[in-house]
Amino acid sequence: MPKSKSTSTFTQQFAELEAIIKKFESEEWNIDEGLVEFERALELAKQLKKTIRTAENTVEQLKNKYSEEEE
């Protein structure tokens, strides 16, 4: 199955968030740069959470659809 655009975007966003976290863990930051990166990390986390929530809802809908067909 080919990767969809949303999967690729999710993967890219997650990788970017991980990179920011690793930078925070391994480097010293000046306050201005740190705040910019922190804000970007929060934006990414929000987007990823929304994507996961959408996927969870889709899974629930599919489960309901196929459990109804079995009855």
Protein backbone atom coordinates (compact mmCIF):
# COMPACT_ATOMS: atom_id res chain seq x y z
CA MET A 1 0.00 0.00 0.00
CA PRO A 2 1.52 3.37 -0.98
CA LYS A 3 2.05 5.98 1.68
CA SER A 4 -0.56 8.66 1.73
CA LYS A 5 0.29 12.33 1.94
CA SER A 6 -1.02 12.49 5.51
CA THR A 7 1.17 9.57 6.61
CA SER A 8 4.21 11.21 5.09
CA THR A 9 3.33 14.52 6.68
CA PHE A 10 2.79 12.87 10.06
CA THR A 11 6.14 11.12 9.78
CA GLN A 12 7.90 14.32 8.78
CA GLN A 13 6.27 16.30 11.58
CA PHE A 14 7.15 13.65 14.13
CA ALA A 15 10.77 13.57 12.93
CA GLU A 16 10.98 17.35 13.17
CA LEU A 17 9.59 17.29 16.71
CA GLU A 18 12.10 14.59 17.69
CA ALA A 19 14.93 16.67 16.23
CA ILE A 20 13.88 19.70 18.26
CA ILE A 21 13.74 17.60 21.42
CA LYS A 22 17.20 16.18 20.76
CA LYS A 23 18.55 19.69 20.24
CA PHE A 24 17.10 20.80 23.56
CA GLU A 25 18.63 17.80 25.28
CA SER A 26 22.09 18.16 23.76
CA GLU A 27 22.74 21.84 23.10
CA GLU A 28 22.74 25.10 24.95
CA TRP A 29 20.28 27.60 23.59
CA ASN A 30 19.98 31.31 23.70
CA ILE A 31 16.59 32.44 24.91
CA ASP A 32 15.36 33.81 21.57
CA GLU A 33 16.25 30.72 19.56
CA GLY A 34 14.95 28.45 22.29
CA LEU A 35 11.57 30.19 22.40
CA VAL A 36 11.18 29.95 18.62
CA GLU A 37 12.00 26.24 18.68
CA PHE A 38 9.76 25.66 21.69
CA GLU A 39 6.84 27.33 19.93
CA ARG A 40 7.45 25.20 16.82
CA ALA A 41 7.53 22.07 18.99
CA LEU A 42 4.17 23.00 20.52
CA GLU A 43 2.67 23.58 17.06
CA LEU A 44 3.95 20.21 15.86
CA ALA A 45 2.63 18.43 18.95
CA LYS A 46 -0.80 19.99 18.43
CA GLN A 47 -0.89 18.94 14.76
CA LEU A 48 0.28 15.41 15.57
CA LYS A 49 -2.32 15.07 18.31
CA LYS A 50 -5.05 16.15 15.88
CA THR A 51 -3.88 13.61 13.30
CA ILE A 52 -3.85 10.83 15.89
CA ARG A 53 -7.32 11.79 17.12
CA THR A 54 -8.63 11.67 13.54
CA ALA A 55 -7.07 8.24 13.02
CA GLU A 56 -8.58 6.96 16.26
CA ASN A 57 -12.03 8.18 15.19
CA THR A 58 -11.63 6.47 11.82
CA VAL A 59 -10.65 3.21 13.50
CA GLU A 60 -13.70 3.40 15.76
CA GLN A 61 -15.98 4.05 12.79
CA LEU A 62 -14.52 1.09 10.92
CA LYS A 63 -14.86 -1.17 13.95
CA ASN A 64 -18.49 -0.14 14.35
CA LYS A 65 -19.21 -0.59 10.67
CA TYR A 66 -17.77 -4.08 10.51
CA SER A 67 -19.18 -5.23 13.85
CA GLU A 68 -22.66 -4.19 12.65
CA GLU A 69 -22.22 -6.23 9.47
CA GLU A 70 -21.38 -9.35 11.49
CA GLU A 71 -24.61 -9.19 13.48
